[in-house]
C-alpha cells in the first residue's frame, strides 16, 4: 500500500510539474537604450567656458534583457526579468561610462485576446507589459578610491523603477517567436546622474530611459 501511494504521489508530482513547465516561456532581447538621467538645466562641473555653458552629451547605448514568464491564462502572464543598460557621457574630450542593472516583475496582457484584435494575423501577437522593480546605477570613475556607507550596493545609486511597453511578436512555430520590444523605464528616487561630474544639486529625483530591442521567445 505504501509503495502504491509513493508511486501515485510521484506520478502526480511529475504531471503537475509538467503542466507548470508547459506554461513557462523564456525570452532574450538585445537593442538600444535612448534617453537617460541628464537634466537640460544642469551643467557639468568639469571646467568649461563659462559663457558657452557647454552641456554633457549622452550617447545612445546598449540594452540587453531577459526574462521568464508564467501564463496564468490566455490573456494574462506574469514575467520576472532583468536588464542591463550602458551609458556613455561626454563633454569635450572628457567622457565616462555608467551602467544600470534592473530587475522587475510585470504583468503581460495579450492584446490579441481582446475582442477588438480578434481578426489579426494568427501568427502575430501583441503584448502590453507593465510592472515595477529595482534598479542600480554604477559609475566606475565615481567610485575610484572612495569608501561608501550608503545602504544597498555601496557607491551605486539604488532606485525604484516602473516599466511599461509593447511587444509585437511573430510566431515562427508553436515554440519560438520573434520579438520587437518597445519599453519605457521610469527611475524614481534617483540621486546620481549617469555622469557624476554633473551638479547633482539640481537633480529632480526622476529619470527615464527608452529601449528598443529585438529578440526571441521560447515556449515550453
N, C-alpha and C. Protein backbone atom coordinates (compact mmCIF):
# COMPACT_ATOMS: atom_id res chain seq x y z
N UNK A 1 0.83 -1.21 0.00
CA UNK A 1 0.00 0.00 0.00
C UNK A 1 0.86 1.26 0.00
N UNK A 2 1.92 1.23 0.83
CA UNK A 2 2.81 2.38 0.88
C UNK A 2 3.52 2.61 -0.45
N UNK A 3 3.91 1.49 -1.09
CA UNK A 3 4.58 1.59 -2.39
C UNK A 3 3.65 2.20 -3.42
N UNK A 4 2.37 1.74 -3.43
CA UNK A 4 1.38 2.27 -4.37
C UNK A 4 1.16 3.76 -4.14
N UNK A 5 1.08 4.14 -2.86
CA UNK A 5 0.88 5.55 -2.52
C UNK A 5 2.09 6.38 -2.99
N UNK A 6 3.29 5.84 -2.77
CA UNK A 6 4.51 6.55 -3.18
C UNK A 6 4.56 6.73 -4.69
N UNK A 7 4.25 5.66 -5.43
CA UNK A 7 4.26 5.74 -6.89
C UNK A 7 3.21 6.73 -7.38
N UNK A 8 2.01 6.67 -6.81
CA UNK A 8 0.93 7.58 -7.22
C UNK A 8 1.31 9.04 -6.95
N UNK A 9 1.90 9.28 -5.78
CA UNK A 9 2.31 10.64 -5.42
C UNK A 9 3.40 11.14 -6.37
N UNK A 10 4.35 10.26 -6.71
CA UNK A 10 5.44 10.64 -7.61
C UNK A 10 4.92 10.98 -8.99
N UNK A 11 4.03 10.15 -9.52
CA UNK A 11 3.45 10.39 -10.85
C UNK A 11 2.66 11.69 -10.85
N UNK A 12 1.87 11.91 -9.81
CA UNK A 12 1.07 13.13 -9.72
C UNK A 12 1.97 14.37 -9.67
N UNK A 13 3.07 14.27 -8.92
CA UNK A 13 4.00 15.40 -8.81
C UNK A 13 4.64 15.69 -10.16
N UNK A 14 5.02 14.61 -10.89
CA UNK A 14 5.63 14.80 -12.21
C UNK A 14 4.66 15.42 -13.20
N UNK A 15 3.41 14.95 -13.17
CA UNK A 15 2.39 15.50 -14.07
C UNK A 15 2.12 16.96 -13.75
N UNK A 16 2.03 17.25 -12.46
CA UNK A 16 1.78 18.63 -12.05
C UNK A 16 2.94 19.53 -12.47
N UNK A 17 4.16 19.02 -12.29
CA UNK A 17 5.34 19.79 -12.67
C UNK A 17 5.38 20.01 -14.18
N UNK A 18 4.98 19.00 -14.95
CA UNK A 18 4.95 19.12 -16.41
C UNK A 18 3.95 20.18 -16.83
N UNK A 19 2.80 20.23 -16.18
CA UNK A 19 1.80 21.25 -16.50
C UNK A 19 2.34 22.63 -16.18
N UNK A 20 3.10 22.73 -15.09
CA UNK A 20 3.69 24.01 -14.72
C UNK A 20 4.71 24.45 -15.77
N UNK A 21 5.56 23.51 -16.18
CA UNK A 21 6.61 23.83 -17.16
C UNK A 21 6.00 24.24 -18.50
N UNK A 22 4.91 23.62 -18.89
CA UNK A 22 4.27 23.93 -20.18
C UNK A 22 3.76 25.37 -20.24
N UNK A 23 3.59 25.98 -19.08
CA UNK A 23 3.10 27.36 -19.04
C UNK A 23 4.23 28.38 -18.97
N UNK A 24 5.48 27.89 -19.00
CA UNK A 24 6.62 28.78 -18.91
C UNK A 24 7.14 29.17 -20.29
N UNK A 25 7.77 30.34 -20.37
CA UNK A 25 8.46 30.76 -21.58
C UNK A 25 9.67 31.60 -21.20
N UNK A 26 10.71 31.56 -22.03
CA UNK A 26 11.94 32.32 -21.83
C UNK A 26 12.09 33.31 -22.97
N UNK A 27 12.58 34.51 -22.66
CA UNK A 27 12.84 35.48 -23.73
C UNK A 27 14.17 36.19 -23.49
N UNK A 28 14.85 36.52 -24.59
CA UNK A 28 16.10 37.27 -24.56
C UNK A 28 16.01 38.34 -25.65
N UNK A 29 16.40 39.58 -25.30
CA UNK A 29 16.29 40.69 -26.25
C UNK A 29 17.55 41.56 -26.19
N UNK A 30 17.97 42.06 -27.34
CA UNK A 30 19.14 42.94 -27.43
C UNK A 30 18.78 44.14 -28.29
N UNK A 31 19.19 45.33 -27.86
CA UNK A 31 18.87 46.52 -28.64
C UNK A 31 19.57 47.76 -28.12
N UNK A 32 18.87 48.88 -28.22
CA UNK A 32 19.46 50.16 -27.86
C UNK A 32 18.75 50.83 -26.72
N UNK A 33 19.53 51.67 -25.99
CA UNK A 33 19.00 52.47 -24.90
C UNK A 33 19.06 53.94 -25.32
N UNK A 34 17.92 54.63 -25.25
CA UNK A 34 17.84 56.03 -25.63
C UNK A 34 17.34 56.84 -24.43
N UNK A 35 17.86 58.05 -24.28
CA UNK A 35 17.49 58.85 -23.13
C UNK A 35 18.31 58.48 -21.92
N UNK A 36 18.16 59.26 -20.87
CA UNK A 36 18.93 58.99 -19.66
C UNK A 36 18.65 60.05 -18.62
N UNK A 37 19.49 60.07 -17.61
CA UNK A 37 19.21 60.89 -16.43
C UNK A 37 19.98 62.20 -16.43
N UNK A 38 20.06 62.88 -17.57
CA UNK A 38 20.74 64.17 -17.64
C UNK A 38 19.71 65.27 -17.82
N UNK A 39 19.74 66.24 -16.93
CA UNK A 39 18.79 67.35 -16.96
C UNK A 39 19.28 68.42 -17.93
N UNK A 40 18.36 68.99 -18.74
CA UNK A 40 18.73 70.06 -19.66
C UNK A 40 19.22 71.30 -18.92
N UNK A 41 18.81 71.46 -17.67
CA UNK A 41 19.17 72.66 -16.92
C UNK A 41 20.44 72.47 -16.09
N UNK A 42 21.11 71.34 -16.28
CA UNK A 42 22.28 71.02 -15.45
C UNK A 42 23.56 71.08 -16.26
N UNK A 43 24.51 71.89 -15.82
CA UNK A 43 25.79 71.99 -16.49
C UNK A 43 26.83 71.18 -15.74
N UNK A 44 27.75 70.58 -16.49
CA UNK A 44 28.80 69.78 -15.85
C UNK A 44 29.71 70.65 -15.00
N UNK A 45 30.27 70.07 -13.96
CA UNK A 45 31.23 70.77 -13.12
C UNK A 45 32.64 70.65 -13.66
N UNK A 46 32.83 69.84 -14.73
CA UNK A 46 34.12 69.85 -15.41
C UNK A 46 34.33 71.27 -15.94
N UNK A 47 35.52 71.89 -15.73
CA UNK A 47 35.72 73.27 -16.16
C UNK A 47 35.44 73.46 -17.65
N UNK A 48 34.54 74.38 -17.96
CA UNK A 48 34.22 74.69 -19.35
C UNK A 48 34.11 76.20 -19.48
N UNK A 49 33.99 76.65 -20.69
CA UNK A 49 33.81 78.07 -20.97
C UNK A 49 32.54 78.55 -20.27
N UNK A 50 32.67 79.48 -19.36
CA UNK A 50 31.52 79.93 -18.58
C UNK A 50 30.49 80.67 -19.42
N UNK A 51 30.93 81.10 -20.62
CA UNK A 51 29.99 81.80 -21.50
C UNK A 51 29.16 80.81 -22.31
N UNK A 52 29.85 79.78 -22.85
CA UNK A 52 29.14 78.81 -23.71
C UNK A 52 28.28 77.85 -22.89
N UNK A 53 28.67 77.62 -21.61
CA UNK A 53 27.92 76.68 -20.77
C UNK A 53 27.69 75.35 -21.49
N UNK A 54 28.76 74.77 -21.98
CA UNK A 54 28.65 73.52 -22.73
C UNK A 54 28.01 72.44 -21.87
N UNK A 55 27.11 71.69 -22.47
CA UNK A 55 26.41 70.64 -21.74
C UNK A 55 26.97 69.26 -22.09
N UNK A 56 26.82 68.34 -21.19
CA UNK A 56 27.24 66.97 -21.44
C UNK A 56 26.34 66.34 -22.49
N UNK A 57 26.93 65.43 -23.27
CA UNK A 57 26.17 64.73 -24.31
C UNK A 57 26.08 63.26 -23.91
N UNK A 58 24.86 62.74 -23.88
CA UNK A 58 24.63 61.33 -23.56
C UNK A 58 24.35 60.57 -24.85
N UNK A 59 25.23 59.64 -25.19
CA UNK A 59 25.09 58.88 -26.43
C UNK A 59 24.11 57.72 -26.25
N UNK A 60 23.45 57.30 -27.34
CA UNK A 60 22.65 56.07 -27.27
C UNK A 60 23.52 54.91 -26.81
N UNK A 61 22.95 53.98 -26.08
CA UNK A 61 23.75 52.88 -25.53
C UNK A 61 23.15 51.52 -25.82
N UNK A 62 23.81 50.51 -25.30
CA UNK A 62 23.40 49.12 -25.48
C UNK A 62 22.39 48.73 -24.41
N UNK A 63 21.40 47.95 -24.81
CA UNK A 63 20.41 47.40 -23.88
C UNK A 63 20.30 45.90 -24.10
N UNK A 64 20.31 45.14 -22.99
CA UNK A 64 20.12 43.69 -23.04
C UNK A 64 19.14 43.31 -21.93
N UNK A 65 18.19 42.46 -22.24
CA UNK A 65 17.28 41.98 -21.18
C UNK A 65 16.84 40.55 -21.44
N UNK A 66 16.37 39.92 -20.39
CA UNK A 66 15.86 38.57 -20.50
C UNK A 66 14.86 38.31 -19.39
N UNK A 67 14.01 37.32 -19.57
CA UNK A 67 13.01 37.07 -18.55
C UNK A 67 12.37 35.70 -18.65
N UNK A 68 11.66 35.35 -17.61
CA UNK A 68 10.88 34.11 -17.54
C UNK A 68 9.43 34.49 -17.29
N UNK A 69 8.53 33.94 -18.10
CA UNK A 69 7.10 34.25 -17.97
C UNK A 69 6.32 32.99 -17.61
N UNK A 70 5.26 33.20 -16.85
CA UNK A 70 4.35 32.11 -16.48
C UNK A 70 2.94 32.52 -16.91
N UNK A 71 2.32 31.71 -17.75
CA UNK A 71 1.00 32.04 -18.29
C UNK A 71 -0.10 31.62 -17.31
N UNK A 72 -0.81 32.63 -16.79
CA UNK A 72 -1.93 32.34 -15.90
C UNK A 72 -3.14 31.85 -16.68
N UNK A 73 -3.37 32.47 -17.84
CA UNK A 73 -4.44 32.07 -18.75
C UNK A 73 -4.10 32.64 -20.13
N UNK A 74 -5.03 32.55 -21.07
CA UNK A 74 -4.73 33.01 -22.43
C UNK A 74 -4.52 34.52 -22.51
N UNK A 75 -5.02 35.24 -21.54
CA UNK A 75 -4.95 36.70 -21.58
C UNK A 75 -3.78 37.28 -20.79
N UNK A 76 -3.47 36.70 -19.63
CA UNK A 76 -2.51 37.32 -18.71
C UNK A 76 -1.38 36.36 -18.34
N UNK A 77 -0.17 36.91 -18.31
CA UNK A 77 1.02 36.19 -17.83
C UNK A 77 1.76 37.06 -16.83
N UNK A 78 2.57 36.42 -16.02
CA UNK A 78 3.47 37.13 -15.12
C UNK A 78 4.91 36.93 -15.60
N UNK A 79 5.69 38.00 -15.59
CA UNK A 79 7.07 37.91 -16.09
C UNK A 79 8.04 38.51 -15.08
N UNK A 80 9.10 37.76 -14.79
CA UNK A 80 10.20 38.27 -14.00
C UNK A 80 11.38 38.49 -14.92
N UNK A 81 11.95 39.69 -14.90
CA UNK A 81 13.01 39.98 -15.86
C UNK A 81 14.16 40.77 -15.27
N UNK A 82 15.31 40.70 -15.94
CA UNK A 82 16.46 41.52 -15.59
C UNK A 82 16.94 42.22 -16.86
N UNK A 83 17.58 43.39 -16.70
CA UNK A 83 18.08 44.12 -17.86
C UNK A 83 19.39 44.82 -17.52
N UNK A 84 20.13 45.16 -18.57
CA UNK A 84 21.42 45.84 -18.42
C UNK A 84 21.51 46.94 -19.47
N UNK A 85 21.78 48.17 -19.03
CA UNK A 85 21.89 49.31 -19.93
C UNK A 85 23.23 50.01 -19.74
N UNK A 86 23.81 50.50 -20.82
CA UNK A 86 25.09 51.18 -20.79
C UNK A 86 24.91 52.64 -21.18
N UNK A 87 25.61 53.54 -20.46
CA UNK A 87 25.55 54.98 -20.72
C UNK A 87 26.97 55.49 -20.97
N UNK A 88 27.17 56.24 -22.04
CA UNK A 88 28.44 56.92 -22.30
C UNK A 88 28.17 58.41 -22.38
N UNK A 89 28.79 59.16 -21.47
CA UNK A 89 28.57 60.60 -21.39
C UNK A 89 29.86 61.33 -21.72
N UNK A 90 29.77 62.37 -22.55
CA UNK A 90 30.98 63.10 -22.92
C UNK A 90 30.76 64.60 -22.84
N UNK A 91 31.86 65.29 -22.53
CA UNK A 91 31.88 66.75 -22.50
C UNK A 91 33.23 67.17 -23.05
N UNK A 92 33.24 67.57 -24.34
CA UNK A 92 34.50 67.87 -25.00
C UNK A 92 35.33 66.60 -25.09
N UNK A 93 36.56 66.66 -24.55
CA UNK A 93 37.44 65.49 -24.58
C UNK A 93 37.24 64.58 -23.36
N UNK A 94 36.41 65.01 -22.41
CA UNK A 94 36.14 64.22 -21.21
C UNK A 94 34.97 63.27 -21.45
N UNK A 95 35.09 62.04 -20.94
CA UNK A 95 33.98 61.09 -21.05
C UNK A 95 34.06 60.07 -19.94
N UNK A 96 32.94 59.47 -19.61
CA UNK A 96 32.93 58.36 -18.66
C UNK A 96 31.75 57.46 -18.96
N UNK A 97 31.73 56.33 -18.29
CA UNK A 97 30.70 55.32 -18.57
C UNK A 97 29.98 54.92 -17.29
N UNK A 98 28.68 54.69 -17.44
CA UNK A 98 27.85 54.18 -16.35
C UNK A 98 27.07 52.98 -16.86
N UNK A 99 26.60 52.17 -15.93
CA UNK A 99 25.75 51.03 -16.30
C UNK A 99 24.60 50.93 -15.32
N UNK A 100 23.50 50.42 -15.80
CA UNK A 100 22.29 50.28 -14.99
C UNK A 100 21.81 48.84 -15.02
N UNK A 101 21.75 48.21 -13.85
CA UNK A 101 21.17 46.88 -13.72
C UNK A 101 19.78 47.01 -13.13
N UNK A 102 18.82 46.32 -13.73
CA UNK A 102 17.43 46.41 -13.26
C UNK A 102 16.81 45.03 -13.16
N UNK A 103 15.93 44.88 -12.19
CA UNK A 103 15.13 43.67 -12.05
C UNK A 103 13.69 44.09 -11.82
N UNK A 104 12.76 43.41 -12.43
CA UNK A 104 11.36 43.82 -12.31
C UNK A 104 10.43 42.62 -12.43
N UNK A 105 9.23 42.79 -11.93
CA UNK A 105 8.16 41.82 -12.12
C UNK A 105 7.02 42.53 -12.82
N UNK A 106 6.48 41.89 -13.86
CA UNK A 106 5.49 42.56 -14.71
C UNK A 106 4.29 41.66 -14.98
N UNK A 107 3.18 42.30 -15.26
CA UNK A 107 2.01 41.62 -15.81
C UNK A 107 2.05 41.81 -17.32
N UNK A 108 1.80 40.75 -18.06
CA UNK A 108 1.82 40.80 -19.53
C UNK A 108 0.41 40.49 -20.03
N UNK A 109 -0.14 41.42 -20.80
CA UNK A 109 -1.50 41.29 -21.32
C UNK A 109 -1.45 41.01 -22.82
N UNK A 110 -1.99 39.88 -23.25
CA UNK A 110 -2.05 39.53 -24.67
C UNK A 110 -3.22 40.26 -25.31
N UNK A 111 -2.91 41.38 -25.98
CA UNK A 111 -3.97 42.22 -26.54
C UNK A 111 -4.75 41.52 -27.65
N UNK A 112 -4.14 40.54 -28.27
CA UNK A 112 -4.82 39.81 -29.35
C UNK A 112 -6.05 39.07 -28.84
N UNK A 113 -6.05 38.74 -27.55
CA UNK A 113 -7.19 38.02 -26.98
C UNK A 113 -8.37 38.94 -26.66
N UNK A 114 -8.16 40.24 -26.77
CA UNK A 114 -9.27 41.18 -26.60
C UNK A 114 -10.09 41.23 -27.88
N UNK A 115 -11.37 41.50 -27.76
CA UNK A 115 -12.29 41.37 -28.89
C UNK A 115 -11.90 42.22 -30.09
N UNK A 116 -11.38 43.44 -29.85
CA UNK A 116 -11.12 44.32 -30.98
C UNK A 116 -9.89 43.91 -31.79
N UNK A 117 -9.14 42.89 -31.34
CA UNK A 117 -8.00 42.42 -32.10
C UNK A 117 -8.14 40.95 -32.53
N UNK A 118 -9.32 40.42 -32.48
CA UNK A 118 -9.53 39.01 -32.78
C UNK A 118 -9.23 38.66 -34.23
N UNK A 119 -9.31 39.61 -35.14
CA UNK A 119 -9.17 39.31 -36.56
C UNK A 119 -7.75 39.51 -37.08
N UNK A 120 -6.78 39.75 -36.23
CA UNK A 120 -5.41 39.94 -36.67
C UNK A 120 -4.80 38.62 -37.13
N UNK A 121 -3.70 38.71 -37.87
CA UNK A 121 -2.98 37.55 -38.38
C UNK A 121 -2.71 36.55 -37.25
N UNK A 122 -3.01 35.28 -37.47
CA UNK A 122 -2.87 34.28 -36.40
C UNK A 122 -1.42 34.05 -35.99
N UNK A 123 -0.47 34.42 -36.84
CA UNK A 123 0.95 34.29 -36.48
C UNK A 123 1.45 35.48 -35.67
N UNK A 124 0.64 36.53 -35.55
CA UNK A 124 1.06 37.73 -34.83
C UNK A 124 0.41 37.80 -33.44
N UNK A 125 1.20 38.25 -32.48
CA UNK A 125 0.70 38.58 -31.14
C UNK A 125 1.14 40.00 -30.81
N UNK A 126 0.38 40.65 -29.95
CA UNK A 126 0.75 41.98 -29.47
C UNK A 126 0.53 42.01 -27.97
N UNK A 127 1.61 42.16 -27.22
CA UNK A 127 1.53 42.14 -25.77
C UNK A 127 1.82 43.51 -25.17
N UNK A 128 1.05 43.86 -24.16
CA UNK A 128 1.36 45.03 -23.34
C UNK A 128 1.92 44.52 -22.02
N UNK A 129 3.03 45.11 -21.56
CA UNK A 129 3.59 44.69 -20.28
C UNK A 129 3.84 45.90 -19.40
N UNK A 130 3.65 45.70 -18.11
CA UNK A 130 3.86 46.78 -17.16
C UNK A 130 4.11 46.23 -15.77
N UNK A 131 4.97 46.92 -15.02
CA UNK A 131 5.26 46.47 -13.66
C UNK A 131 6.25 47.38 -12.98
N UNK A 132 6.94 46.84 -11.98
CA UNK A 132 7.86 47.65 -11.20
C UNK A 132 9.01 46.77 -10.70
N UNK A 133 10.06 47.43 -10.17
CA UNK A 133 11.19 46.69 -9.65
C UNK A 133 12.24 47.60 -9.08
N UNK A 134 13.49 47.13 -9.09
CA UNK A 134 14.61 47.88 -8.53
C UNK A 134 15.68 48.05 -9.60
N UNK A 135 16.37 49.20 -9.56
CA UNK A 135 17.48 49.47 -10.46
C UNK A 135 18.67 49.98 -9.67
N UNK A 136 19.87 49.71 -10.16
CA UNK A 136 21.09 50.17 -9.50
C UNK A 136 22.05 50.72 -10.56
N UNK A 137 22.38 52.01 -10.43
CA UNK A 137 23.26 52.70 -11.37
C UNK A 137 24.68 52.72 -10.83
N UNK A 138 25.65 52.33 -11.65
CA UNK A 138 27.05 52.28 -11.23
C UNK A 138 27.93 53.07 -12.18
N UNK A 139 28.87 53.84 -11.62
CA UNK A 139 29.86 54.57 -12.41
C UNK A 139 31.24 54.31 -11.81
N UNK A 140 32.10 53.66 -12.59
CA UNK A 140 33.41 53.23 -12.08
C UNK A 140 34.27 54.41 -11.64
N UNK A 141 34.31 55.47 -12.47
CA UNK A 141 35.15 56.62 -12.14
C UNK A 141 34.70 57.28 -10.83
N UNK A 142 33.39 57.32 -10.64
CA UNK A 142 32.85 57.94 -9.43
C UNK A 142 33.29 57.18 -8.18
N UNK A 143 33.43 55.85 -8.30
CA UNK A 143 33.73 55.03 -7.12
C UNK A 143 35.22 54.82 -6.88
N UNK A 144 36.07 55.24 -7.83
CA UNK A 144 37.50 55.00 -7.70
C UNK A 144 38.08 55.68 -6.46
N UNK A 145 38.76 54.89 -5.61
CA UNK A 145 39.46 55.43 -4.46
C UNK A 145 38.58 55.98 -3.36
N UNK A 146 37.29 55.64 -3.37
CA UNK A 146 36.38 56.17 -2.35
C UNK A 146 35.78 55.03 -1.54
N UNK A 147 35.37 55.35 -0.32
CA UNK A 147 34.65 54.40 0.52
C UNK A 147 33.24 54.94 0.74
N UNK A 148 32.28 54.04 0.73
CA UNK A 148 30.88 54.45 0.82
C UNK A 148 30.20 53.74 1.98
N UNK A 149 29.25 54.43 2.59
CA UNK A 149 28.48 53.84 3.69
C UNK A 149 26.99 53.85 3.39
N UNK A 150 26.65 54.09 2.13
CA UNK A 150 25.23 54.16 1.76
C UNK A 150 24.60 52.77 1.82
N UNK A 151 23.29 52.69 2.05
CA UNK A 151 22.61 51.39 2.06
C UNK A 151 22.55 50.81 0.65
N UNK A 152 22.28 49.52 0.55
CA UNK A 152 22.21 48.90 -0.77
C UNK A 152 23.60 48.59 -1.29
N UNK A 153 23.78 48.68 -2.61
CA UNK A 153 25.08 48.43 -3.23
C UNK A 153 25.95 49.66 -3.03
N UNK A 154 27.08 49.51 -2.37
CA UNK A 154 27.91 50.63 -1.96
C UNK A 154 28.39 51.44 -3.17
N UNK A 155 28.15 52.74 -3.13
CA UNK A 155 28.59 53.63 -4.20
C UNK A 155 27.69 53.67 -5.41
N UNK A 156 26.67 52.82 -5.43
CA UNK A 156 25.70 52.84 -6.53
C UNK A 156 24.50 53.69 -6.17
N UNK A 157 23.80 54.13 -7.19
CA UNK A 157 22.53 54.83 -6.97
C UNK A 157 21.41 53.81 -7.10
N UNK A 158 20.85 53.38 -5.99
CA UNK A 158 19.80 52.36 -5.98
C UNK A 158 18.44 53.04 -6.06
N UNK A 159 17.61 52.58 -7.00
CA UNK A 159 16.35 53.25 -7.30
C UNK A 159 15.20 52.27 -7.44
N UNK A 160 14.00 52.82 -7.44
CA UNK A 160 12.79 52.08 -7.78
C UNK A 160 12.51 52.35 -9.26
N UNK A 161 12.11 51.33 -10.00
CA UNK A 161 11.75 51.57 -11.40
C UNK A 161 10.32 51.13 -11.70
N UNK A 162 9.71 51.84 -12.61
CA UNK A 162 8.40 51.48 -13.16
C UNK A 162 8.59 51.28 -14.66
N UNK A 163 8.16 50.15 -15.18
CA UNK A 163 8.37 49.84 -16.58
C UNK A 163 7.05 49.51 -17.27
N UNK A 164 6.92 49.95 -18.53
CA UNK A 164 5.75 49.58 -19.33
C UNK A 164 6.16 49.62 -20.81
N UNK A 165 5.46 48.84 -21.62
CA UNK A 165 5.81 48.83 -23.04
C UNK A 165 4.94 47.91 -23.86
N UNK A 166 5.24 47.84 -25.17
CA UNK A 166 4.53 47.00 -26.12
C UNK A 166 5.50 46.04 -26.78
N UNK A 167 5.05 44.80 -27.00
CA UNK A 167 5.90 43.79 -27.63
C UNK A 167 5.13 43.06 -28.74
N UNK A 168 5.30 43.49 -29.99
CA UNK A 168 4.77 42.69 -31.10
C UNK A 168 5.59 41.41 -31.24
N UNK A 169 4.92 40.29 -31.56
CA UNK A 169 5.60 39.01 -31.73
C UNK A 169 5.14 38.34 -33.01
N UNK A 170 6.08 37.68 -33.68
CA UNK A 170 5.74 36.87 -34.86
C UNK A 170 6.11 35.43 -34.57
N UNK A 171 5.13 34.53 -34.66
CA UNK A 171 5.34 33.12 -34.34
C UNK A 171 5.98 32.38 -35.51
N UNK A 172 7.18 31.87 -35.28
CA UNK A 172 7.82 31.02 -36.28
C UNK A 172 7.20 29.63 -36.26
N UNK A 173 6.87 29.17 -35.05
CA UNK A 173 6.19 27.89 -34.86
C UNK A 173 5.54 27.92 -33.48
N UNK A 174 5.08 26.78 -33.00
CA UNK A 174 4.40 26.73 -31.71
C UNK A 174 5.32 27.04 -30.53
N UNK A 175 6.63 26.91 -30.74
CA UNK A 175 7.59 27.09 -29.65
C UNK A 175 8.33 28.43 -29.68
N UNK A 176 8.66 28.91 -30.87
CA UNK A 176 9.55 30.06 -30.99
C UNK A 176 8.86 31.24 -31.66
N UNK A 177 9.06 32.43 -31.06
CA UNK A 177 8.55 33.67 -31.62
C UNK A 177 9.67 34.69 -31.69
N UNK A 178 9.57 35.61 -32.65
CA UNK A 178 10.50 36.73 -32.77
C UNK A 178 9.84 37.96 -32.15
N UNK A 179 10.60 38.71 -31.33
CA UNK A 179 10.04 39.85 -30.60
C UNK A 179 10.59 41.18 -31.12
N UNK A 180 9.76 42.20 -31.04
CA UNK A 180 10.20 43.59 -31.11
C UNK A 180 9.64 44.27 -29.88
N UNK A 181 10.52 44.69 -28.96
CA UNK A 181 10.06 45.26 -27.70
C UNK A 181 10.34 46.75 -27.63
N UNK A 182 9.30 47.52 -27.32
CA UNK A 182 9.40 48.97 -27.14
C UNK A 182 9.00 49.25 -25.70
N UNK A 183 9.94 49.76 -24.89
CA UNK A 183 9.66 49.89 -23.46
C UNK A 183 10.22 51.19 -22.90
N UNK A 184 9.55 51.70 -21.87
CA UNK A 184 9.99 52.88 -21.15
C UNK A 184 10.16 52.50 -19.69
N UNK A 185 11.30 52.89 -19.10
CA UNK A 185 11.56 52.63 -17.70
C UNK A 185 11.71 53.96 -16.97
N UNK A 186 10.86 54.21 -15.99
CA UNK A 186 10.92 55.43 -15.19
C UNK A 186 11.68 55.13 -13.91
N UNK A 187 12.67 55.96 -13.59
CA UNK A 187 13.52 55.75 -12.42
C UNK A 187 13.13 56.73 -11.33
N UNK A 188 12.74 56.20 -10.17
CA UNK A 188 12.34 57.02 -9.03
C UNK A 188 13.40 56.97 -7.94
N UNK A 189 13.44 58.00 -7.11
CA UNK A 189 14.42 58.08 -6.02
C UNK A 189 15.85 58.12 -6.55
N UNK A 190 16.04 58.82 -7.66
CA UNK A 190 17.35 58.91 -8.28
C UNK A 190 18.18 60.00 -7.60
N UNK A 191 19.42 59.67 -7.26
CA UNK A 191 20.30 60.62 -6.56
C UNK A 191 21.55 61.00 -7.34
N UNK A 192 21.86 60.24 -8.41
CA UNK A 192 23.10 60.49 -9.13
C UNK A 192 22.85 60.43 -10.63
N UNK A 193 23.40 61.40 -11.37
CA UNK A 193 23.29 61.37 -12.82
C UNK A 193 24.15 60.26 -13.40
N UNK A 194 23.88 59.89 -14.66
CA UNK A 194 24.72 58.89 -15.31
C UNK A 194 26.14 59.43 -15.46
N UNK A 195 26.30 60.75 -15.48
CA UNK A 195 27.63 61.36 -15.42
C UNK A 195 27.75 62.06 -14.07
N UNK A 196 28.50 61.50 -13.11
CA UNK A 196 28.56 62.09 -11.77
C UNK A 196 29.30 63.42 -11.72
N UNK A 197 29.95 63.83 -12.84
CA UNK A 197 30.60 65.14 -12.87
C UNK A 197 29.59 66.27 -12.94
N UNK A 198 28.32 65.92 -13.15
CA UNK A 198 27.31 66.96 -13.19
C UNK A 198 26.90 67.37 -11.79
N UNK A 199 26.36 68.55 -11.70
CA UNK A 199 25.94 69.11 -10.42
C UNK A 199 24.64 68.43 -9.97
N UNK A 200 24.73 67.53 -9.00
CA UNK A 200 23.57 66.75 -8.56
C UNK A 200 22.57 67.57 -7.74
N UNK A 201 22.93 68.82 -7.39
CA UNK A 201 22.02 69.62 -6.57
C UNK A 201 20.76 70.01 -7.32
N UNK A 202 20.78 69.93 -8.64
CA UNK A 202 19.58 70.27 -9.41
C UNK A 202 18.82 69.03 -9.87
N UNK A 203 19.22 67.89 -9.37
CA UNK A 203 18.58 66.64 -9.75
C UNK A 203 17.11 66.65 -9.34
N UNK A 204 16.25 66.28 -10.29
CA UNK A 204 14.81 66.29 -9.99
C UNK A 204 14.32 64.97 -9.41
N UNK A 205 15.26 64.02 -9.14
CA UNK A 205 14.94 62.73 -8.49
C UNK A 205 14.21 61.75 -9.39
N UNK A 206 13.87 62.15 -10.62
CA UNK A 206 13.17 61.25 -11.53
C UNK A 206 13.89 61.23 -12.88
N UNK A 207 14.16 60.06 -13.40
CA UNK A 207 14.75 59.93 -14.72
C UNK A 207 13.98 58.89 -15.52
N UNK A 208 14.28 58.79 -16.81
CA UNK A 208 13.60 57.80 -17.64
C UNK A 208 14.49 57.40 -18.81
N UNK A 209 14.35 56.17 -19.25
CA UNK A 209 15.07 55.70 -20.43
C UNK A 209 14.09 54.93 -21.31
N UNK A 210 14.37 54.93 -22.61
CA UNK A 210 13.53 54.25 -23.59
C UNK A 210 14.37 53.19 -24.28
N UNK A 211 13.83 51.99 -24.39
CA UNK A 211 14.55 50.88 -25.01
C UNK A 211 13.82 50.36 -26.24
N UNK A 212 14.59 50.07 -27.28
CA UNK A 212 14.08 49.36 -28.46
C UNK A 212 14.95 48.12 -28.63
N UNK A 213 14.34 46.94 -28.64
CA UNK A 213 15.13 45.71 -28.69
C UNK A 213 14.42 44.65 -29.52
N UNK A 214 15.22 43.77 -30.10
CA UNK A 214 14.68 42.62 -30.83
C UNK A 214 15.22 41.35 -30.15
N UNK A 215 14.45 40.28 -30.26
CA UNK A 215 14.89 39.05 -29.62
C UNK A 215 13.97 37.90 -29.94
N UNK A 216 14.00 36.90 -29.10
CA UNK A 216 13.21 35.69 -29.33
C UNK A 216 12.62 35.18 -28.03
N UNK A 217 11.48 34.51 -28.13
CA UNK A 217 10.83 33.87 -27.01
C UNK A 217 10.67 32.37 -27.29
N UNK A 218 11.00 31.57 -26.31
CA UNK A 218 10.83 30.12 -26.42
C UNK A 218 9.79 29.66 -25.41
N UNK A 219 8.74 28.99 -25.91
CA UNK A 219 7.69 28.46 -25.06
C UNK A 219 7.90 26.96 -24.85
N UNK A 220 7.79 26.52 -23.61
CA UNK A 220 7.96 25.10 -23.30
C UNK A 220 6.72 24.30 -23.67
